[in-house]
Amino acid sequence: MLEDVKQYVAGCEKCQSNKPNQQPRRNNLHPNKIPKGPWEVISIDLVGPLPELSGHDGILVIVDCFSKMAHYIPISMNITAQGVAKISWDRVFKDIGLPQKVISDRGPQFVSRFMKELCS
């Protein structure tokens, strides 16, 4: 019976035109532009939650998109954009200056608040 149904559907013009496409969707990737110098563009991400150690259950990762130099900072996963900005300033940007662009997967609202807090 299954074979009969398959043959009927394969020969039916309406069935074929309404059949969902089974091929995987292919989205083109758009790589980020390579910065002209170090620390102009950074990517920032939070890793966690991890098993708690000394009150920290996550890691803040800040990577320079030019040199790929990375900073790994222990944090608590309930950190706010203001907290990320303070830690980033104290541990990274105080010595090297502010980036021109921040790339994050936490959304534009997070990046906007982060940059506002970092600049203040």
PDB file of N, CA and C in Angstrom:
ATOM      1  N   MET A   1       0.835  -1.190   0.000  1.00  0.00           N
ATOM      2  CA  MET A   1       0.000   0.000   0.000  1.00  0.00           C
ATOM      3  C   MET A   1       0.883   1.259   0.000  1.00  0.00           C
ATOM      4  N   LEU A   2       1.975   1.232   0.797  1.00  0.00           N
ATOM      5  CA  LEU A   2       2.879   2.375   0.862  1.00  0.00           C
ATOM      6  C   LEU A   2       3.460   2.694  -0.516  1.00  0.00           C
ATOM      7  N   GLU A   3       3.847   1.672  -1.236  1.00  0.00           N
ATOM      8  CA  GLU A   3       4.391   1.873  -2.583  1.00  0.00           C
ATOM      9  C   GLU A   3       3.349   2.474  -3.513  1.00  0.00           C
ATOM     10  N   ASP A   4       2.097   2.045  -3.401  1.00  0.00           N
ATOM     11  CA  ASP A   4       1.015   2.600  -4.227  1.00  0.00           C
ATOM     12  C   ASP A   4       0.830   4.091  -3.946  1.00  0.00           C
ATOM     13  N   VAL A   5       0.881   4.467  -2.667  1.00  0.00           N
ATOM     14  CA  VAL A   5       0.725   5.880  -2.288  1.00  0.00           C
ATOM     15  C   VAL A   5       1.897   6.689  -2.841  1.00  0.00           C
ATOM     16  N   LYS A   6       3.128   6.162  -2.707  1.00  0.00           N
ATOM     17  CA  LYS A   6       4.306   6.867  -3.240  1.00  0.00           C
ATOM     18  C   LYS A   6       4.195   7.077  -4.741  1.00  0.00           C
ATOM     19  N   GLN A   7       3.752   6.049  -5.474  1.00  0.00           N
ATOM     20  CA  GLN A   7       3.610   6.168  -6.936  1.00  0.00           C
ATOM     21  C   GLN A   7       2.528   7.179  -7.295  1.00  0.00           C
ATOM     22  N   TYR A   8       1.413   7.163  -6.554  1.00  0.00           N
ATOM     23  CA  TYR A   8       0.327   8.098  -6.827  1.00  0.00           C
ATOM     24  C   TYR A   8       0.793   9.541  -6.604  1.00  0.00           C
ATOM     25  N   VAL A   9       1.450   9.784  -5.467  1.00  0.00           N
ATOM     26  CA  VAL A   9       1.923  11.129  -5.144  1.00  0.00           C
ATOM     27  C   VAL A   9       2.976  11.573  -6.153  1.00  0.00           C
ATOM     28  N   ALA A  10       3.874  10.697  -6.553  1.00  0.00           N
ATOM     29  CA  ALA A  10       4.921  11.039  -7.525  1.00  0.00           C
ATOM     30  C   ALA A  10       4.329  11.396  -8.879  1.00  0.00           C
ATOM     31  N   GLY A  11       3.185  10.814  -9.225  1.00  0.00           N
ATOM     32  CA  GLY A  11       2.570  11.093 -10.527  1.00  0.00           C
ATOM     33  C   GLY A  11       1.533  12.211 -10.484  1.00  0.00           C
ATOM     34  N   CYS A  12       1.212  12.715  -9.334  1.00  0.00           N
ATOM     35  CA  CYS A  12       0.169  13.744  -9.193  1.00  0.00           C
ATOM     36  C   CYS A  12       0.801  15.140  -9.274  1.00  0.00           C
ATOM     37  N   GLU A  13       0.368  15.911 -10.259  1.00  0.00           N
ATOM     38  CA  GLU A  13       0.931  17.262 -10.452  1.00  0.00           C
ATOM     39  C   GLU A  13       0.643  18.168  -9.256  1.00  0.00           C
ATOM     40  N   LYS A  14      -0.565  18.116  -8.719  1.00  0.00           N
ATOM     41  CA  LYS A  14      -0.920  18.945  -7.559  1.00  0.00           C
ATOM     42  C   LYS A  14      -0.088  18.566  -6.336  1.00  0.00           C
ATOM     43  N   CYS A  15       0.094  17.261  -6.147  1.00  0.00           N
ATOM     44  CA  CYS A  15       0.887  16.801  -4.993  1.00  0.00           C
ATOM     45  C   CYS A  15       2.325  17.300  -5.101  1.00  0.00           C
ATOM     46  N   GLN A  16       2.896  17.243  -6.295  1.00  0.00           N
ATOM     47  CA  GLN A  16       4.278  17.664  -6.482  1.00  0.00           C
ATOM     48  C   GLN A  16       4.451  19.170  -6.310  1.00  0.00           C
ATOM     49  N   SER A  17       3.456  19.961  -6.756  1.00  0.00           N
ATOM     50  CA  SER A  17       3.576  21.420  -6.635  1.00  0.00           C
ATOM     51  C   SER A  17       3.368  21.894  -5.199  1.00  0.00           C
ATOM     52  N   ASN A  18       2.632  21.129  -4.382  1.00  0.00           N
ATOM     53  CA  ASN A  18       2.387  21.515  -2.988  1.00  0.00           C
ATOM     54  C   ASN A  18       3.324  20.837  -2.001  1.00  0.00           C
ATOM     55  N   LYS A  19       4.167  19.948  -2.489  1.00  0.00           N
ATOM     56  CA  LYS A  19       5.094  19.215  -1.629  1.00  0.00           C
ATOM     57  C   LYS A  19       6.159  20.164  -1.092  1.00  0.00           C
ATOM     58  N   PRO A  20       6.418  20.122   0.233  1.00  0.00           N
ATOM     59  CA  PRO A  20       7.461  21.010   0.770  1.00  0.00           C
ATOM     60  C   PRO A  20       8.840  20.610   0.237  1.00  0.00           C
ATOM     61  N   ASN A  21       9.692  21.603   0.083  1.00  0.00           N
ATOM     62  CA  ASN A  21      11.041  21.369  -0.402  1.00  0.00           C
ATOM     63  C   ASN A  21      11.832  20.647   0.681  1.00  0.00           C
ATOM     64  N   GLN A  22      12.398  19.502   0.367  1.00  0.00           N
ATOM     65  CA  GLN A  22      13.131  18.700   1.341  1.00  0.00           C
ATOM     66  C   GLN A  22      14.618  19.019   1.383  1.00  0.00           C
ATOM     67  N   GLN A  23      15.088  19.871   0.468  1.00  0.00           N
ATOM     68  CA  GLN A  23      16.510  20.195   0.440  1.00  0.00           C
ATOM     69  C   GLN A  23      16.827  21.179   1.559  1.00  0.00           C
ATOM     70  N   PRO A  24      17.990  21.010   2.200  1.00  0.00           N
ATOM     71  CA  PRO A  24      18.341  21.944   3.278  1.00  0.00           C
ATOM     72  C   PRO A  24      18.529  23.353   2.744  1.00  0.00           C
ATOM     73  N   ARG A  25      18.124  24.289   3.553  1.00  0.00           N
ATOM     74  CA  ARG A  25      18.247  25.691   3.188  1.00  0.00           C
ATOM     75  C   ARG A  25      19.700  26.118   3.310  1.00  0.00           C
ATOM     76  N   ARG A  26      20.202  26.816   2.336  1.00  0.00           N
ATOM     77  CA  ARG A  26      21.591  27.273   2.373  1.00  0.00           C
ATOM     78  C   ARG A  26      21.620  28.792   2.457  1.00  0.00           C
ATOM     79  N   ASN A  27      22.137  29.254   3.561  1.00  0.00           N
ATOM     80  CA  ASN A  27      22.291  30.695   3.756  1.00  0.00           C
ATOM     81  C   ASN A  27      23.745  31.058   3.494  1.00  0.00           C
ATOM     82  N   ASN A  28      23.931  32.103   2.754  1.00  0.00           N
ATOM     83  CA  ASN A  28      25.295  32.552   2.496  1.00  0.00           C
ATOM     84  C   ASN A  28      25.858  33.218   3.739  1.00  0.00           C
ATOM     85  N   LEU A  29      27.101  32.889   4.043  1.00  0.00           N
ATOM     86  CA  LEU A  29      27.767  33.517   5.173  1.00  0.00           C
ATOM     87  C   LEU A  29      28.373  34.838   4.724  1.00  0.00           C
ATOM     88  N   HIS A  30      28.324  35.805   5.588  1.00  0.00           N
ATOM     89  CA  HIS A  30      28.907  37.119   5.301  1.00  0.00           C
ATOM     90  C   HIS A  30      29.971  37.390   6.357  1.00  0.00           C
ATOM     91  N   PRO A  31      31.226  37.059   6.066  1.00  0.00           N
ATOM     92  CA  PRO A  31      32.268  37.261   7.081  1.00  0.00           C
ATOM     93  C   PRO A  31      32.462  38.738   7.405  1.00  0.00           C
ATOM     94  N   ASN A  32      32.907  38.982   8.624  1.00  0.00           N
ATOM     95  CA  ASN A  32      33.188  40.350   9.043  1.00  0.00           C
ATOM     96  C   ASN A  32      34.427  40.868   8.317  1.00  0.00           C
ATOM     97  N   LYS A  33      34.459  42.179   8.101  1.00  0.00           N
ATOM     98  CA  LYS A  33      35.627  42.788   7.472  1.00  0.00           C
ATOM     99  C   LYS A  33      36.816  42.714   8.429  1.00  0.00           C
ATOM    100  N   ILE A  34      37.991  42.567   7.858  1.00  0.00           N
ATOM    101  CA  ILE A  34      39.206  42.523   8.676  1.00  0.00           C
ATOM    102  C   ILE A  34      39.545  43.947   9.104  1.00  0.00           C
ATOM    103  N   PRO A  35      39.706  44.188  10.410  1.00  0.00           N
ATOM    104  CA  PRO A  35      40.040  45.536  10.880  1.00  0.00           C
ATOM    105  C   PRO A  35      41.418  45.971  10.385  1.00  0.00           C
ATOM    106  N   LYS A  36      41.641  47.279  10.392  1.00  0.00           N
ATOM    107  CA  LYS A  36      42.920  47.830   9.930  1.00  0.00           C
ATOM    108  C   LYS A  36      44.008  47.769  10.990  1.00  0.00           C
ATOM    109  N   GLY A  37      43.627  47.618  12.234  1.00  0.00           N
ATOM    110  CA  GLY A  37      44.610  47.577  13.307  1.00  0.00           C
ATOM    111  C   GLY A  37      44.076  46.872  14.527  1.00  0.00           C
ATOM    112  N   PRO A  38      44.959  46.627  15.496  1.00  0.00           N
ATOM    113  CA  PRO A  38      44.550  45.906  16.704  1.00  0.00           C
ATOM    114  C   PRO A  38      43.577  46.700  17.569  1.00  0.00           C
ATOM    115  N   TRP A  39      42.645  45.975  18.163  1.00  0.00           N
ATOM    116  CA  TRP A  39      41.668  46.473  19.122  1.00  0.00           C
ATOM    117  C   TRP A  39      40.723  47.524  18.569  1.00  0.00           C
ATOM    118  N   GLU A  40      40.597  47.633  17.229  1.00  0.00           N
ATOM    119  CA  GLU A  40      39.566  48.490  16.630  1.00  0.00           C
ATOM    120  C   GLU A  40      38.213  47.800  16.716  1.00  0.00           C
ATOM    121  N   VAL A  41      38.211  46.490  16.461  1.00  0.00           N
ATOM    122  CA  VAL A  41      36.980  45.692  16.497  1.00  0.00           C
ATOM    123  C   VAL A  41      37.228  44.512  17.431  1.00  0.00           C
ATOM    124  N   ILE A  42      36.290  44.331  18.361  1.00  0.00           N
ATOM    125  CA  ILE A  42      36.409  43.199  19.281  1.00  0.00           C
ATOM    126  C   ILE A  42      35.144  42.350  19.185  1.00  0.00           C
ATOM    127  N   SER A  43      35.281  41.093  19.550  1.00  0.00           N
ATOM    128  CA  SER A  43      34.095  40.267  19.763  1.00  0.00           C
ATOM    129  C   SER A  43      34.068  39.918  21.243  1.00  0.00           C
ATOM    130  N   ILE A  44      32.854  39.830  21.768  1.00  0.00           N
ATOM    131  CA  ILE A  44      32.685  39.603  23.198  1.00  0.00           C
ATOM    132  C   ILE A  44      31.603  38.552  23.376  1.00  0.00           C
ATOM    133  N   ASP A  45      31.842  37.632  24.296  1.00  0.00           N
ATOM    134  CA  ASP A  45      30.878  36.567  24.522  1.00  0.00           C
ATOM    135  C   ASP A  45      30.990  36.072  25.957  1.00  0.00           C
ATOM    136  N   LEU A  46      29.900  35.500  26.438  1.00  0.00           N
ATOM    137  CA  LEU A  46      29.879  34.897  27.760  1.00  0.00           C
ATOM    138  C   LEU A  46      29.792  33.388  27.585  1.00  0.00           C
ATOM    139  N   VAL A  47      30.629  32.656  28.310  1.00  0.00           N
ATOM    140  CA  VAL A  47      30.611  31.203  28.279  1.00  0.00           C
ATOM    141  C   VAL A  47      30.079  30.728  29.622  1.00  0.00           C
ATOM    142  N   GLY A  48      29.062  29.892  29.594  1.00  0.00           N
ATOM    143  CA  GLY A  48      28.529  29.370  30.834  1.00  0.00           C
ATOM    144  C   GLY A  48      27.060  29.071  30.700  1.00  0.00           C
ATOM    145  N   PRO A  49      26.436  28.621  31.738  1.00  0.00           N
ATOM    146  CA  PRO A  49      26.962  28.463  33.085  1.00  0.00           C
ATOM    147  C   PRO A  49      27.895  27.255  33.186  1.00  0.00           C
ATOM    148  N   LEU A  50      28.888  27.402  34.040  1.00  0.00           N
ATOM    149  CA  LEU A  50      29.874  26.371  34.333  1.00  0.00           C
ATOM    150  C   LEU A  50      29.756  26.004  35.803  1.00  0.00           C
ATOM    151  N   PRO A  51      30.380  24.916  36.231  1.00  0.00           N
ATOM    152  CA  PRO A  51      30.381  24.618  37.672  1.00  0.00           C
ATOM    153  C   PRO A  51      31.005  25.782  38.452  1.00  0.00           C
ATOM    154  N   GLU A  52      30.371  26.163  39.533  1.00  0.00           N
ATOM    155  CA  GLU A  52      30.819  27.335  40.296  1.00  0.00           C
ATOM    156  C   GLU A  52      32.157  27.092  40.974  1.00  0.00           C
ATOM    157  N   LEU A  53      33.010  28.111  40.906  1.00  0.00           N
ATOM    158  CA  LEU A  53      34.318  28.066  41.550  1.00  0.00           C
ATOM    159  C   LEU A  53      34.640  29.472  42.037  1.00  0.00           C
ATOM    160  N   SER A  54      34.852  29.648  43.309  1.00  0.00           N
ATOM    161  CA  SER A  54      35.161  30.946  43.915  1.00  0.00           C
ATOM    162  C   SER A  54      34.125  32.016  43.565  1.00  0.00           C
ATOM    163  N   GLY A  55      32.853  31.618  43.508  1.00  0.00           N
ATOM    164  CA  GLY A  55      31.781  32.570  43.220  1.00  0.00           C
ATOM    165  C   GLY A  55      31.595  32.892  41.752  1.00  0.00           C
ATOM    166  N   HIS A  56      32.355  32.267  40.872  1.00  0.00           N
ATOM    167  CA  HIS A  56      32.241  32.498  39.434  1.00  0.00           C
ATOM    168  C   HIS A  56      31.681  31.249  38.755  1.00  0.00           C
ATOM    169  N   ASP A  57      30.729  31.465  37.837  1.00  0.00           N
ATOM    170  CA  ASP A  57      30.170  30.328  37.107  1.00  0.00           C
ATOM    171  C   ASP A  57      30.163  30.562  35.596  1.00  0.00           C
ATOM    172  N   GLY A  58      30.983  31.498  35.142  1.00  0.00           N
ATOM    173  CA  GLY A  58      31.073  31.780  33.715  1.00  0.00           C
ATOM    174  C   GLY A  58      32.387  32.461  33.374  1.00  0.00           C
ATOM    175  N   ILE A  59      32.592  32.632  32.077  1.00  0.00           N
ATOM    176  CA  ILE A  59      33.806  33.291  31.589  1.00  0.00           C
ATOM    177  C   ILE A  59      33.410  34.349  30.569  1.00  0.00           C
ATOM    178  N   LEU A  60      33.933  35.546  30.752  1.00  0.00           N
ATOM    179  CA  LEU A  60      33.783  36.612  29.770  1.00  0.00           C
ATOM    180  C   LEU A  60      34.975  36.504  28.825  1.00  0.00           C
ATOM    181  N   VAL A  61      34.688  36.369  27.530  1.00  0.00           N
ATOM    182  CA  VAL A  61      35.742  36.225  26.530  1.00  0.00           C
ATOM    183  C   VAL A  61      35.731  37.464  25.643  1.00  0.00           C
ATOM    184  N   ILE A  62      36.847  38.159  25.573  1.00  0.00           N
ATOM    185  CA  ILE A  62      37.003  39.341  24.720  1.00  0.00           C
ATOM    186  C   ILE A  62      38.138  39.046  23.757  1.00  0.00           C
ATOM    187  N   VAL A  63      37.837  39.112  22.441  1.00  0.00           N
ATOM    188  CA  VAL A  63      38.826  38.765  21.420  1.00  0.00           C
ATOM    189  C   VAL A  63      39.014  39.944  20.474  1.00  0.00           C
ATOM    190  N   ASP A  64      40.273  40.294  20.216  1.00  0.00           N
ATOM    191  CA  ASP A  64      40.604  41.294  19.211  1.00  0.00           C
ATOM    192  C   ASP A  64      40.470  40.632  17.841  1.00  0.00           C
ATOM    193  N   CYS A  65      39.642  41.186  16.980  1.00  0.00           N
ATOM    194  CA  CYS A  65      39.384  40.584  15.671  1.00  0.00           C
ATOM    195  C   CYS A  65      40.555  40.729  14.705  1.00  0.00           C
ATOM    196  N   PHE A  66      41.521  41.569  15.010  1.00  0.00           N
ATOM    197  CA  PHE A  66      42.687  41.754  14.140  1.00  0.00           C
ATOM    198  C   PHE A  66      43.784  40.740  14.488  1.00  0.00           C
ATOM    199  N   SER A  67      44.203  40.729  15.743  1.00  0.00           N
ATOM    200  CA  SER A  67      45.319  39.863  16.146  1.00  0.00           C
ATOM    201  C   SER A  67      44.858  38.521  16.702  1.00  0.00           C
ATOM    202  N   LYS A  68      43.564  38.398  17.019  1.00  0.00           N
ATOM    203  CA  LYS A  68      42.984  37.212  17.653  1.00  0.00           C
ATOM    204  C   LYS A  68      43.450  37.025  19.090  1.00  0.00           C
ATOM    205  N   MET A  69      44.048  38.059  19.670  1.00  0.00           N
ATOM    206  CA  MET A  69      44.431  37.998  21.080  1.00  0.00           C
ATOM    207  C   MET A  69      43.158  37.959  21.923  1.00  0.00           C
ATOM    208  N   ALA A  70      43.139  37.095  22.924  1.00  0.00           N
ATOM    209  CA  ALA A  70      41.928  36.919  23.724  1.00  0.00           C
ATOM    210  C   ALA A  70      42.212  37.146  25.204  1.00  0.00           C
ATOM    211  N   HIS A  71      41.192  37.657  25.896  1.00  0.00           N
ATOM    212  CA  HIS A  71      41.218  37.807  27.346  1.00  0.00           C
ATOM    213  C   HIS A  71      40.072  36.962  27.893  1.00  0.00           C
ATOM    214  N   TYR A  72      40.366  36.177  28.918  1.00  0.00           N
ATOM    215  CA  TYR A  72      39.380  35.323  29.563  1.00  0.00           C
ATOM    216  C   TYR A  72      39.239  35.776  31.008  1.00  0.00           C
ATOM    217  N   ILE A  73      38.027  36.215  31.367  1.00  0.00           N
ATOM    218  CA  ILE A  73      37.806  36.805  32.684  1.00  0.00           C
ATOM    219  C   ILE A  73      36.693  36.031  33.393  1.00  0.00           C
ATOM    220  N   PRO A  74      36.942  35.500  34.606  1.00  0.00           N
ATOM    221  CA  PRO A  74      35.894  34.782  35.343  1.00  0.00           C
ATOM    222  C   PRO A  74      34.806  35.757  35.807  1.00  0.00           C
ATOM    223  N   ILE A  75      33.551  35.327  35.644  1.00  0.00           N
ATOM    224  CA  ILE A  75      32.404  36.173  36.007  1.00  0.00           C
ATOM    225  C   ILE A  75      31.290  35.320  36.605  1.00  0.00           C
ATOM    226  N   SER A  76      30.284  35.993  37.111  1.00  0.00           N
ATOM    227  CA  SER A  76      29.031  35.353  37.498  1.00  0.00           C
ATOM    228  C   SER A  76      28.072  35.507  36.320  1.00  0.00           C
ATOM    229  N   MET A  77      27.333  34.470  35.973  1.00  0.00           N
ATOM    230  CA  MET A  77      26.482  34.499  34.776  1.00  0.00           C
ATOM    231  C   MET A  77      25.302  35.472  34.892  1.00  0.00           C
ATOM    232  N   ASN A  78      24.999  35.982  36.063  1.00  0.00           N
ATOM    233  CA  ASN A  78      23.913  36.961  36.172  1.00  0.00           C
ATOM    234  C   ASN A  78      24.441  38.391  36.026  1.00  0.00           C
ATOM    235  N   ILE A  79      25.563  38.559  35.380  1.00  0.00           N
ATOM    236  CA  ILE A  79      26.180  39.869  35.171  1.00  0.00           C
ATOM    237  C   ILE A  79      25.343  40.716  34.197  1.00  0.00           C
ATOM    238  N   THR A  80      25.344  42.012  34.402  1.00  0.00           N
ATOM    239  CA  THR A  80      24.607  42.945  33.545  1.00  0.00           C
ATOM    240  C   THR A  80      25.558  43.569  32.527  1.00  0.00           C
ATOM    241  N   ALA A  81      24.994  44.325  31.595  1.00  0.00           N
ATOM    242  CA  ALA A  81      25.817  45.052  30.621  1.00  0.00           C
ATOM    243  C   ALA A  81      26.731  46.033  31.342  1.00  0.00           C
ATOM    244  N   GLN A  82      26.228  46.653  32.407  1.00  0.00           N
ATOM    245  CA  GLN A  82      27.043  47.583  33.195  1.00  0.00           C
ATOM    246  C   GLN A  82      28.216  46.850  33.844  1.00  0.00           C
ATOM    247  N   GLY A  83      27.960  45.658  34.364  1.00  0.00           N
ATOM    248  CA  GLY A  83      29.029  44.861  34.968  1.00  0.00           C
ATOM    249  C   GLY A  83      30.077  44.436  33.955  1.00  0.00           C
ATOM    250  N   VAL A  84      29.622  44.027  32.772  1.00  0.00           N
ATOM    251  CA  VAL A  84      30.548  43.640  31.704  1.00  0.00           C
ATOM    252  C   VAL A  84      31.403  44.839  31.301  1.00  0.00           C
ATOM    253  N   ALA A  85      30.782  46.012  31.210  1.00  0.00           N
ATOM    254  CA  ALA A  85      31.521  47.220  30.834  1.00  0.00           C
ATOM    255  C   ALA A  85      32.583  47.559  31.874  1.00  0.00           C
ATOM    256  N   LYS A  86      32.224  47.467  33.156  1.00  0.00           N
ATOM    257  CA  LYS A  86      33.193  47.784  34.223  1.00  0.00           C
ATOM    258  C   LYS A  86      34.368  46.809  34.212  1.00  0.00           C
ATOM    259  N   ILE A  87      34.067  45.515  34.131  1.00  0.00           N
ATOM    260  CA  ILE A  87      35.132  44.507  34.105  1.00  0.00           C
ATOM    261  C   ILE A  87      36.006  44.682  32.868  1.00  0.00           C
ATOM    262  N   SER A  88      35.373  44.933  31.716  1.00  0.00           N
ATOM    263  CA  SER A  88      36.120  45.113  30.465  1.00  0.00           C
ATOM    264  C   SER A  88      37.054  46.312  30.559  1.00  0.00           C
ATOM    265  N   TRP A  89      36.565  47.381  31.143  1.00  0.00           N
ATOM    266  CA  TRP A  89      37.403  48.579  31.290  1.00  0.00           C
ATOM    267  C   TRP A  89      38.572  48.307  32.234  1.00  0.00           C
ATOM    268  N   ASP A  90      38.256  47.733  33.381  1.00  0.00           N
ATOM    269  CA  ASP A  90      39.293  47.489  34.395  1.00  0.00           C
ATOM    270  C   ASP A  90      40.361  46.497  33.931  1.00  0.00           C
ATOM    271  N   ARG A  91      39.947  45.462  33.195  1.00  0.00           N
ATOM    272  CA  ARG A  91      40.871  44.381  32.852  1.00  0.00           C
ATOM    273  C   ARG A  91      41.490  44.487  31.459  1.00  0.00           C
ATOM    274  N   VAL A  92      40.838  45.236  30.536  1.00  0.00           N
ATOM    275  CA  VAL A  92      41.324  45.235  29.149  1.00  0.00           C
ATOM    276  C   VAL A  92      41.514  46.650  28.594  1.00  0.00           C
ATOM    277  N   PHE A  93      40.439  47.416  28.507  1.00  0.00           N
ATOM    278  CA  PHE A  93      40.460  48.671  27.754  1.00  0.00           C
ATOM    279  C   PHE A  93      41.170  49.815  28.452  1.00  0.00           C
ATOM    280  N   LYS A  94      41.354  49.723  29.741  1.00  0.00           N
ATOM    281  CA  LYS A  94      42.087  50.751  30.486  1.00  0.00           C
ATOM    282  C   LYS A  94      43.501  50.906  29.930  1.00  0.00           C
ATOM    283  N   ASP A  95      44.105  49.800  29.514  1.00  0.00           N
ATOM    284  CA  ASP A  95      45.476  49.811  29.010  1.00  0.00           C
ATOM    285  C   ASP A  95      45.584  50.010  27.500  1.00  0.00           C
ATOM    286  N   ILE A  96      44.582  49.565  26.737  1.00  0.00           N
ATOM    287  CA  ILE A  96      44.717  49.596  25.270  1.00  0.00           C
ATOM    288  C   ILE A  96      43.775  50.561  24.571  1.00  0.00           C
ATOM    289  N   GLY A  97      42.817  51.128  25.271  1.00  0.00           N
ATOM    290  CA  GLY A  97      41.865  52.059  24.666  1.00  0.00           C
ATOM    291  C   GLY A  97      40.575  51.367  24.250  1.00  0.00           C
ATOM    292  N   LEU A  98      39.595  52.186  23.880  1.00  0.00           N
ATOM    293  CA  LEU A  98      38.260  51.675  23.535  1.00  0.00           C
ATOM    294  C   LEU A  98      38.200  51.183  22.092  1.00  0.00           C
ATOM    295  N   PRO A  99      37.401  50.142  21.839  1.00  0.00           N
ATOM    296  CA  PRO A  99      37.223  49.665  20.466  1.00  0.00           C
ATOM    297  C   PRO A  99      36.261  50.571  19.698  1.00  0.00           C
ATOM    298  N   GLN A 100      36.339  50.521  18.378  1.00  0.00           N
ATOM    299  CA  GLN A 100      35.398  51.271  17.538  1.00  0.00           C
ATOM    300  C   GLN A 100      34.117  50.485  17.303  1.00  0.00           C
ATOM    301  N   LYS A 101      34.223  49.148  17.361  1.00  0.00           N
ATOM    302  CA  LYS A 101      33.073  48.295  17.068  1.00  0.00           C
ATOM    303  C   LYS A 101      33.125  47.072  17.976  1.00  0.00           C
ATOM    304  N   VAL A 102      31.944  46.653  18.439  1.00  0.00           N
ATOM    305  CA  VAL A 102      31.817  45.471  19.282  1.00  0.00           C
ATOM    306  C   VAL A 102      30.877  44.489  18.600  1.00  0.00           C
ATOM    307  N   ILE A 103      31.311  43.244  18.480  1.00  0.00           N
ATOM    308  CA  ILE A 103      30.484  42.187  17.906  1.00  0.00           C
ATOM    309  C   ILE A 103      30.125  41.228  19.026  1.00  0.00           C
ATOM    310  N   SER A 104      28.815  40.954  19.183  1.00  0.00           N
ATOM    311  CA  SER A 104      28.344  40.070  20.240  1.00  0.00           C
ATOM    312  C   SER A 104      27.122  39.320  19.757  1.00  0.00           C
ATOM    313  N   ASP A 105      26.906  38.131  20.292  1.00  0.00           N
ATOM    314  CA  ASP A 105      25.698  37.387  19.950  1.00  0.00           C
ATOM    315  C   ASP A 105      24.582  37.625  20.957  1.00  0.00           C
ATOM    316  N   ARG A 106      24.770  38.558  21.838  1.00  0.00           N
ATOM    317  CA  ARG A 106      23.750  38.840  22.856  1.00  0.00           C
ATOM    318  C   ARG A 106      22.750  39.885  22.397  1.00  0.00           C
ATOM    319  N   GLY A 107      22.836  40.344  21.152  1.00  0.00           N
ATOM    320  CA  GLY A 107      21.857  41.260  20.603  1.00  0.00           C
ATOM    321  C   GLY A 107      22.288  42.710  20.657  1.00  0.00           C
ATOM    322  N   PRO A 108      21.674  43.530  19.796  1.00  0.00           N
ATOM    323  CA  PRO A 108      22.052  44.939  19.721  1.00  0.00           C
ATOM    324  C   PRO A 108      21.751  45.729  20.993  1.00  0.00           C
ATOM    325  N   GLN A 109      20.713  45.313  21.745  1.00  0.00           N
ATOM    326  CA  GLN A 109      20.402  46.019  22.986  1.00  0.00           C
ATOM    327  C   GLN A 109      21.543  45.861  23.989  1.00  0.00           C
ATOM    328  N   PHE A 110      22.072  44.655  24.098  1.00  0.00           N
ATOM    329  CA  PHE A 110      23.186  44.412  25.013  1.00  0.00           C
ATOM    330  C   PHE A 110      24.397  45.223  24.593  1.00  0.00           C
ATOM    331  N   VAL A 111      24.743  45.186  23.317  1.00  0.00           N
ATOM    332  CA  VAL A 111      25.917  45.912  22.826  1.00  0.00           C
ATOM    333  C   VAL A 111      25.737  47.407  23.030  1.00  0.00           C
ATOM    334  N   SER A 112      24.529  47.908  22.786  1.00  0.00           N
ATOM    335  CA  SER A 112      24.259  49.331  22.964  1.00  0.00           C
ATOM    336  C   SER A 112      24.457  49.753  24.419  1.00  0.00           C
ATOM    337  N   ARG A 113      23.877  48.987  25.350  1.00  0.00           N
ATOM    338  CA  ARG A 113      24.040  49.306  26.785  1.00  0.00           C
ATOM    339  C   ARG A 113      25.493  49.142  27.210  1.00  0.00           C
ATOM    340  N   PHE A 114      26.146  48.091  26.705  1.00  0.00           N
ATOM    341  CA  PHE A 114      27.546  47.846  27.037  1.00  0.00           C
ATOM    342  C   PHE A 114      28.402  49.034  26.605  1.00  0.00           C
ATOM    343  N   MET A 115      28.251  49.502  25.359  1.00  0.00           N
ATOM    344  CA  MET A 115      29.050  50.610  24.849  1.00  0.00           C
ATOM    345  C   MET A 115      28.731  51.902  25.600  1.00  0.00           C
ATOM    346  N   LYS A 116      27.466  52.114  25.913  1.00  0.00           N
ATOM    347  CA  LYS A 116      27.077  53.322  26.660  1.00  0.00           C
ATOM    348  C   LYS A 116      27.756  53.338  28.023  1.00  0.00           C
ATOM    349  N   GLU A 117      27.722  52.208  28.726  1.00  0.00           N
ATOM    350  CA  GLU A 117      28.352  52.094  30.041  1.00  0.00           C
ATOM    351  C   GLU A 117      29.872  52.203  29.929  1.00  0.00           C
ATOM    352  N   LEU A 118      30.453  51.605  28.899  1.00  0.00           N
ATOM    353  CA  LEU A 118      31.900  51.634  28.724  1.00  0.00           C
ATOM    354  C   LEU A 118      32.379  53.056  28.475  1.00  0.00           C
ATOM    355  N   CYS A 119      31.635  53.803  27.685  1.00  0.00           N
ATOM    356  CA  CYS A 119      32.032  55.189  27.367  1.00  0.00           C
ATOM    357  C   CYS A 119      31.813  56.139  28.548  1.00  0.00           C
ATOM    358  N   SER A 120      30.856  55.790  29.429  1.00  0.00           N
ATOM    359  CA  SER A 120      30.640  56.680  30.576  1.00  0.00           C
ATOM    360  C   SER A 120      31.719  56.420  31.620  1.00  0.00           C
TER     361      SER A 120
END
